[in-house]
Amino acid sequence: MPQCWLAGFTDTGMKEGSIFVTDFKRGKQWRTTPDGCGHIRDYYRIPGPDPVMVEKTLSKIEGLAGPVFRQMFEDRRGPVVEEWDNLFDHIAVQYSRVPAFRPYILGLTDSIYRKTITEALTSLERRS
């Protein structure tokens, strides 16, 4: 869950504000900040030269939506026309960020990798 989104549920409306978290499985509740909840550590870490590439990309999109959420909160209003593009990008990313969507993404990337490798091997066989 993006911190900029959770900020709207804090007592101040800012990322530094307090938010209550409830763990229904453990039957516990505590106060924290958006930085302390709503995420799985290293969830987007991938192998390769830039293991946090996905998180950097998501941060850019959230960086555009965050100020929109903040302004809407401060002005107590809905989005204006000029803000919709950033919000739609943010909404689309949120749809794909949930753990239930991960098997689909992994299947898609596996399919792409297999096709790429098959084409590369076929190309090598043709050269021989």
C-alpha atoms as a PDB file:
ATOM      1  CA  MET A   1       0.000   0.000   0.000  1.00  0.00           C
ATOM      2  CA  PRO A   2       1.563   3.328  -0.969  1.00  0.00           C
ATOM      3  CA  GLN A   3       2.428   5.618   1.933  1.00  0.00           C
ATOM      4  CA  CYS A   4       0.880   8.591   0.149  1.00  0.00           C
ATOM      5  CA  TRP A   5      -2.404   6.723   0.091  1.00  0.00           C
ATOM      6  CA  LEU A   6      -2.247   5.631   3.716  1.00  0.00           C
ATOM      7  CA  ALA A   7      -1.419   9.221   4.705  1.00  0.00           C
ATOM      8  CA  GLY A   8      -5.020  10.160   3.968  1.00  0.00           C
ATOM      9  CA  PHE A   9      -6.103   7.908   6.835  1.00  0.00           C
ATOM     10  CA  THR A  10      -3.754   9.403   9.434  1.00  0.00           C
ATOM     11  CA  ASP A  11      -4.722  11.908  12.085  1.00  0.00           C
ATOM     12  CA  THR A  12      -2.879  14.693  10.214  1.00  0.00           C
ATOM     13  CA  GLY A  13      -3.396  13.586   6.620  1.00  0.00           C
ATOM     14  CA  MET A  14       0.396  13.417   6.184  1.00  0.00           C
ATOM     15  CA  LYS A  15       2.876  10.517   5.989  1.00  0.00           C
ATOM     16  CA  GLU A  16       4.254  11.505   9.395  1.00  0.00           C
ATOM     17  CA  GLY A  17       0.827  11.228  11.032  1.00  0.00           C
ATOM     18  CA  SER A  18      -0.505   8.326  13.106  1.00  0.00           C
ATOM     19  CA  ILE A  19      -2.668   5.523  11.827  1.00  0.00           C
ATOM     20  CA  PHE A  20      -4.206   2.604  13.694  1.00  0.00           C
ATOM     21  CA  VAL A  21      -3.478  -0.913  12.455  1.00  0.00           C
ATOM     22  CA  THR A  22      -5.616  -3.897  13.372  1.00  0.00           C
ATOM     23  CA  ASP A  23      -4.345  -7.474  13.070  1.00  0.00           C
ATOM     24  CA  PHE A  24      -7.489  -9.577  13.162  1.00  0.00           C
ATOM     25  CA  LYS A  25      -5.599 -12.894  13.206  1.00  0.00           C
ATOM     26  CA  ARG A  26      -3.665 -11.950  16.350  1.00  0.00           C
ATOM     27  CA  GLY A  27      -6.421  -9.810  17.833  1.00  0.00           C
ATOM     28  CA  LYS A  28      -4.111  -6.825  18.293  1.00  0.00           C
ATOM     29  CA  GLN A  29      -4.254  -3.147  17.424  1.00  0.00           C
ATOM     30  CA  TRP A  30      -1.513  -0.512  17.521  1.00  0.00           C
ATOM     31  CA  ARG A  31      -0.676   2.986  16.359  1.00  0.00           C
ATOM     32  CA  THR A  32       2.036   3.536  13.726  1.00  0.00           C
ATOM     33  CA  THR A  33       2.855   5.698  10.707  1.00  0.00           C
ATOM     34  CA  PRO A  34       2.189   4.794   7.055  1.00  0.00           C
ATOM     35  CA  ASP A  35       5.864   3.795   6.808  1.00  0.00           C
ATOM     36  CA  GLY A  36       5.293   1.138   9.481  1.00  0.00           C
ATOM     37  CA  CYS A  37       2.359  -0.680   7.911  1.00  0.00           C
ATOM     38  CA  GLY A  38       0.718  -1.789   4.689  1.00  0.00           C
ATOM     39  CA  HIS A  39       3.738  -3.391   3.028  1.00  0.00           C
ATOM     40  CA  ILE A  40       5.664  -6.638   2.703  1.00  0.00           C
ATOM     41  CA  ARG A  41       9.420  -6.180   3.026  1.00  0.00           C
ATOM     42  CA  ASP A  42      11.320  -6.718  -0.257  1.00  0.00           C
ATOM     43  CA  TYR A  43       8.080  -7.692  -2.042  1.00  0.00           C
ATOM     44  CA  TYR A  44       9.210  -6.114  -5.309  1.00  0.00           C
ATOM     45  CA  ARG A  45      12.902  -7.083  -5.093  1.00  0.00           C
ATOM     46  CA  ILE A  46      14.014  -8.883  -8.240  1.00  0.00           C
ATOM     47  CA  PRO A  47      17.284 -10.546  -9.202  1.00  0.00           C
ATOM     48  CA  GLY A  48      19.571  -8.650 -11.521  1.00  0.00           C
ATOM     49  CA  PRO A  49      21.719  -5.549 -11.705  1.00  0.00           C
ATOM     50  CA  ASP A  50      19.020  -3.301 -10.178  1.00  0.00           C
ATOM     51  CA  PRO A  51      17.008  -5.356  -7.657  1.00  0.00           C
ATOM     52  CA  VAL A  52      14.838  -2.372  -6.686  1.00  0.00           C
ATOM     53  CA  MET A  53      13.981  -1.323 -10.249  1.00  0.00           C
ATOM     54  CA  VAL A  54      10.280  -2.176  -9.769  1.00  0.00           C
ATOM     55  CA  GLU A  55      10.074  -0.188  -6.541  1.00  0.00           C
ATOM     56  CA  LYS A  56      11.754   2.817  -8.200  1.00  0.00           C
ATOM     57  CA  THR A  57       9.201   2.732 -11.021  1.00  0.00           C
ATOM     58  CA  LEU A  58       6.283   2.451  -8.607  1.00  0.00           C
ATOM     59  CA  SER A  59       7.698   5.342  -6.573  1.00  0.00           C
ATOM     60  CA  LYS A  60       7.696   7.583  -9.646  1.00  0.00           C
ATOM     61  CA  ILE A  61       4.021   6.858 -10.299  1.00  0.00           C
ATOM     62  CA  GLU A  62       3.132   7.304  -6.615  1.00  0.00           C
ATOM     63  CA  GLY A  63       5.183  10.503  -6.574  1.00  0.00           C
ATOM     64  CA  LEU A  64       2.801  11.976  -9.145  1.00  0.00           C
ATOM     65  CA  ALA A  65      -0.360  10.796  -7.382  1.00  0.00           C
ATOM     66  CA  GLY A  66       0.725  11.678  -3.846  1.00  0.00           C
ATOM     67  CA  PRO A  67       0.443  15.453  -4.240  1.00  0.00           C
ATOM     68  CA  VAL A  68      -2.980  15.022  -5.850  1.00  0.00           C
ATOM     69  CA  PHE A  69      -4.217  13.009  -2.863  1.00  0.00           C
ATOM     70  CA  ARG A  70      -2.717  15.553  -0.467  1.00  0.00           C
ATOM     71  CA  GLN A  71      -4.355  18.501  -2.255  1.00  0.00           C
ATOM     72  CA  MET A  72      -7.722  16.741  -2.392  1.00  0.00           C
ATOM     73  CA  PHE A  73      -7.442  16.026   1.348  1.00  0.00           C
ATOM     74  CA  GLU A  74      -6.489  19.612   2.192  1.00  0.00           C
ATOM     75  CA  ASP A  75      -9.185  21.152  -0.034  1.00  0.00           C
ATOM     76  CA  ARG A  76     -11.796  18.528   0.883  1.00  0.00           C
ATOM     77  CA  ARG A  77     -12.642  17.951  -2.780  1.00  0.00           C
ATOM     78  CA  GLY A  78     -12.564  15.392  -5.545  1.00  0.00           C
ATOM     79  CA  PRO A  79     -10.028  15.422  -8.380  1.00  0.00           C
ATOM     80  CA  VAL A  80     -10.075  18.040 -11.113  1.00  0.00           C
ATOM     81  CA  VAL A  81      -9.679  17.191 -14.806  1.00  0.00           C
ATOM     82  CA  GLU A  82      -5.921  17.901 -14.881  1.00  0.00           C
ATOM     83  CA  GLU A  83      -5.334  15.379 -12.069  1.00  0.00           C
ATOM     84  CA  TRP A  84      -7.080  12.379 -13.595  1.00  0.00           C
ATOM     85  CA  ASP A  85      -4.147  11.081 -15.680  1.00  0.00           C
ATOM     86  CA  ASN A  86      -1.941  10.711 -12.610  1.00  0.00           C
ATOM     87  CA  LEU A  87      -4.775   9.150 -10.637  1.00  0.00           C
ATOM     88  CA  PHE A  88      -5.636   6.649 -13.396  1.00  0.00           C
ATOM     89  CA  ASP A  89      -1.992   5.565 -13.625  1.00  0.00           C
ATOM     90  CA  HIS A  90      -1.965   5.151  -9.862  1.00  0.00           C
ATOM     91  CA  ILE A  91      -5.209   3.148  -9.889  1.00  0.00           C
ATOM     92  CA  ALA A  92      -3.927   0.817 -12.619  1.00  0.00           C
ATOM     93  CA  VAL A  93      -0.736   0.150 -10.679  1.00  0.00           C
ATOM     94  CA  GLN A  94      -2.704  -0.525  -7.491  1.00  0.00           C
ATOM     95  CA  TYR A  95      -4.738  -3.160  -9.292  1.00  0.00           C
ATOM     96  CA  SER A  96      -1.581  -5.059 -10.184  1.00  0.00           C
ATOM     97  CA  ARG A  97       0.226  -4.646  -6.840  1.00  0.00           C
ATOM     98  CA  VAL A  98      -1.857  -6.967  -4.690  1.00  0.00           C
ATOM     99  CA  PRO A  99      -0.426 -10.383  -3.781  1.00  0.00           C
ATOM    100  CA  ALA A 100      -3.346 -12.142  -5.526  1.00  0.00           C
ATOM    101  CA  PHE A 101      -2.159 -10.659  -8.850  1.00  0.00           C
ATOM    102  CA  ARG A 102       1.411 -11.955  -8.480  1.00  0.00           C
ATOM    103  CA  PRO A 103       0.762 -15.457  -9.940  1.00  0.00           C
ATOM    104  CA  TYR A 104      -0.596 -13.816 -13.093  1.00  0.00           C
ATOM    105  CA  ILE A 105       2.472 -11.574 -13.420  1.00  0.00           C
ATOM    106  CA  LEU A 106       4.844 -14.485 -12.776  1.00  0.00           C
ATOM    107  CA  GLY A 107       3.030 -16.602 -15.373  1.00  0.00           C
ATOM    108  CA  LEU A 108       3.202 -13.782 -17.888  1.00  0.00           C
ATOM    109  CA  THR A 109       6.917 -13.188 -17.346  1.00  0.00           C
ATOM    110  CA  ASP A 110       7.596 -16.938 -17.496  1.00  0.00           C
ATOM    111  CA  SER A 111       5.787 -17.080 -20.833  1.00  0.00           C
ATOM    112  CA  ILE A 112       7.808 -14.148 -22.182  1.00  0.00           C
ATOM    113  CA  TYR A 113      11.105 -15.664 -20.991  1.00  0.00           C
ATOM    114  CA  ARG A 114      10.295 -19.056 -22.534  1.00  0.00           C
ATOM    115  CA  LYS A 115       9.334 -17.493 -25.863  1.00  0.00           C
ATOM    116  CA  THR A 116      12.485 -15.348 -25.919  1.00  0.00           C
ATOM    117  CA  ILE A 117      14.744 -18.291 -25.078  1.00  0.00           C
ATOM    118  CA  THR A 118      13.020 -20.546 -27.636  1.00  0.00           C
ATOM    119  CA  GLU A 119      13.439 -17.920 -30.364  1.00  0.00           C
ATOM    120  CA  ALA A 120      17.101 -17.424 -29.449  1.00  0.00           C
ATOM    121  CA  LEU A 121      17.813 -21.165 -29.510  1.00  0.00           C
ATOM    122  CA  THR A 122      15.941 -21.610 -32.787  1.00  0.00           C
ATOM    123  CA  SER A 123      17.987 -18.791 -34.296  1.00  0.00           C
ATOM    124  CA  LEU A 124      21.216 -20.461 -33.144  1.00  0.00           C
ATOM    125  CA  GLU A 125      20.137 -23.827 -34.591  1.00  0.00           C
ATOM    126  CA  ARG A 126      19.443 -22.194 -37.942  1.00  0.00           C
ATOM    127  CA  ARG A 127      22.954 -20.722 -38.027  1.00  0.00           C
ATOM    128  CA  SER A 128      24.565 -24.114 -37.491  1.00  0.00           C
END
